[in-house]
Amino acid sequence: MKNRFFPLVALIVSGGHSLLMLMESHLKYQRLGSTLDDAAGEAFDKVARLLNLPYPGGPSIQKRLILEILMHILFHALAWKAHGIFLSAG
């Protein structure tokens, strides 16, 4: 059976640099290109500044996003409980 996922192009972005990779399989890949500077990290810093978050921006945005997601989940769980809707994982 032919794998439907490969080949694929993957973009790996971090605060320090970015890579563009061609993946032919799970263990067979080659770098197509990369950034020469930390432009992605600087973009995170600028967004964090706009949101009044501390430097460096990447970790600050990540923590804020996790907090927002957890608050959203908690809010909906409490709303469901208040309306008598109970969900069980087991």
Protein backbone atom coordinates (compact mmCIF):
# COMPACT_ATOMS: atom_id res chain seq x y z
CA MET A 1 0.00 0.00 0.00
CA LYS A 2 1.40 3.38 -0.99
CA ASN A 3 1.95 5.88 1.82
CA ARG A 4 -0.36 8.86 1.29
CA PHE A 5 1.67 11.23 3.46
CA PHE A 6 5.02 11.25 1.64
CA PRO A 7 6.64 13.08 0.07
CA LEU A 8 5.89 16.20 2.07
CA VAL A 9 7.43 19.58 2.78
CA ALA A 10 7.82 20.52 6.44
CA LEU A 11 8.37 24.00 7.82
CA ILE A 12 10.09 23.99 11.21
CA VAL A 13 9.97 27.36 12.94
CA SER A 14 11.60 28.32 16.21
CA GLY A 15 12.55 31.59 17.81
CA GLY A 16 16.15 31.24 16.64
CA HIS A 17 15.84 29.98 13.07
CA SER A 18 13.59 28.21 10.57
CA LEU A 19 14.08 25.21 8.29
CA LEU A 20 12.28 24.04 5.17
CA MET A 21 12.63 20.27 4.76
CA LEU A 22 11.65 17.78 2.06
CA MET A 23 10.65 14.49 3.65
CA GLU A 24 10.51 11.42 1.43
CA SER A 25 9.86 9.08 4.38
CA HIS A 26 10.10 9.15 8.16
CA LEU A 27 13.89 8.81 8.12
CA LYS A 28 14.74 10.18 4.68
CA TYR A 29 14.80 13.95 4.40
CA GLN A 30 16.84 16.84 3.07
CA ARG A 31 17.08 20.51 3.93
CA LEU A 32 15.68 22.75 1.20
CA GLY A 33 16.51 25.99 2.95
CA SER A 34 16.88 27.82 6.22
CA THR A 35 16.88 31.34 7.60
CA LEU A 36 20.10 33.22 8.16
CA ASP A 37 18.84 35.16 11.16
CA ASP A 38 16.31 35.03 13.96
CA ALA A 39 13.52 36.85 12.12
CA ALA A 40 10.85 34.47 13.46
CA GLY A 41 12.01 35.10 17.02
CA GLU A 42 11.96 38.84 16.45
CA ALA A 43 8.38 38.56 15.17
CA PHE A 44 7.39 36.74 18.39
CA ASP A 45 9.08 39.51 20.40
CA LYS A 46 7.13 42.20 18.54
CA VAL A 47 3.80 40.41 19.02
CA ALA A 48 4.57 39.91 22.71
CA ARG A 49 5.34 43.63 23.05
CA LEU A 50 1.96 44.45 21.46
CA LEU A 51 0.27 42.12 23.96
CA ASN A 52 2.24 43.62 26.89
CA LEU A 53 3.96 40.28 27.52
CA PRO A 54 7.55 40.00 28.78
CA TYR A 55 10.68 39.40 26.69
CA PRO A 56 11.50 36.95 25.09
CA GLY A 57 8.24 36.76 23.20
CA GLY A 58 8.13 33.10 22.18
CA PRO A 59 7.93 31.54 25.66
CA SER A 60 5.65 34.35 26.88
CA ILE A 61 3.19 33.81 24.02
CA GLN A 62 3.30 30.04 24.56
CA LYS A 63 2.52 30.38 28.28
CA ARG A 64 -0.27 32.88 27.57
CA LEU A 65 -1.78 30.60 24.93
CA ILE A 66 -1.71 27.59 27.26
CA LEU A 67 -3.36 29.66 29.99
CA GLU A 68 -6.07 30.87 27.58
CA ILE A 69 -6.77 27.30 26.41
CA LEU A 70 -6.99 25.97 29.98
CA MET A 71 -9.31 28.80 31.01
CA HIS A 72 -11.51 28.09 27.96
CA ILE A 73 -11.70 24.38 28.83
CA LEU A 74 -12.47 25.15 32.49
CA PHE A 75 -15.16 27.70 31.59
CA HIS A 76 -16.95 25.24 29.30
CA ALA A 77 -16.63 22.38 31.79
CA LEU A 78 -18.22 24.54 34.50
CA ALA A 79 -20.95 25.69 32.10
CA TRP A 80 -21.74 22.09 31.16
CA LYS A 81 -21.86 21.10 34.84
CA ALA A 82 -24.19 24.02 35.62
CA HIS A 83 -26.55 22.82 32.89
CA GLY A 84 -26.45 19.20 34.07
CA ILE A 85 -24.27 17.94 31.21
CA PHE A 86 -21.69 15.47 32.49
CA LEU A 87 -18.95 13.96 30.36
CA SER A 88 -16.90 11.01 31.49
CA ALA A 89 -13.63 9.68 30.11
CA GLY A 90 -14.24 6.23 31.50
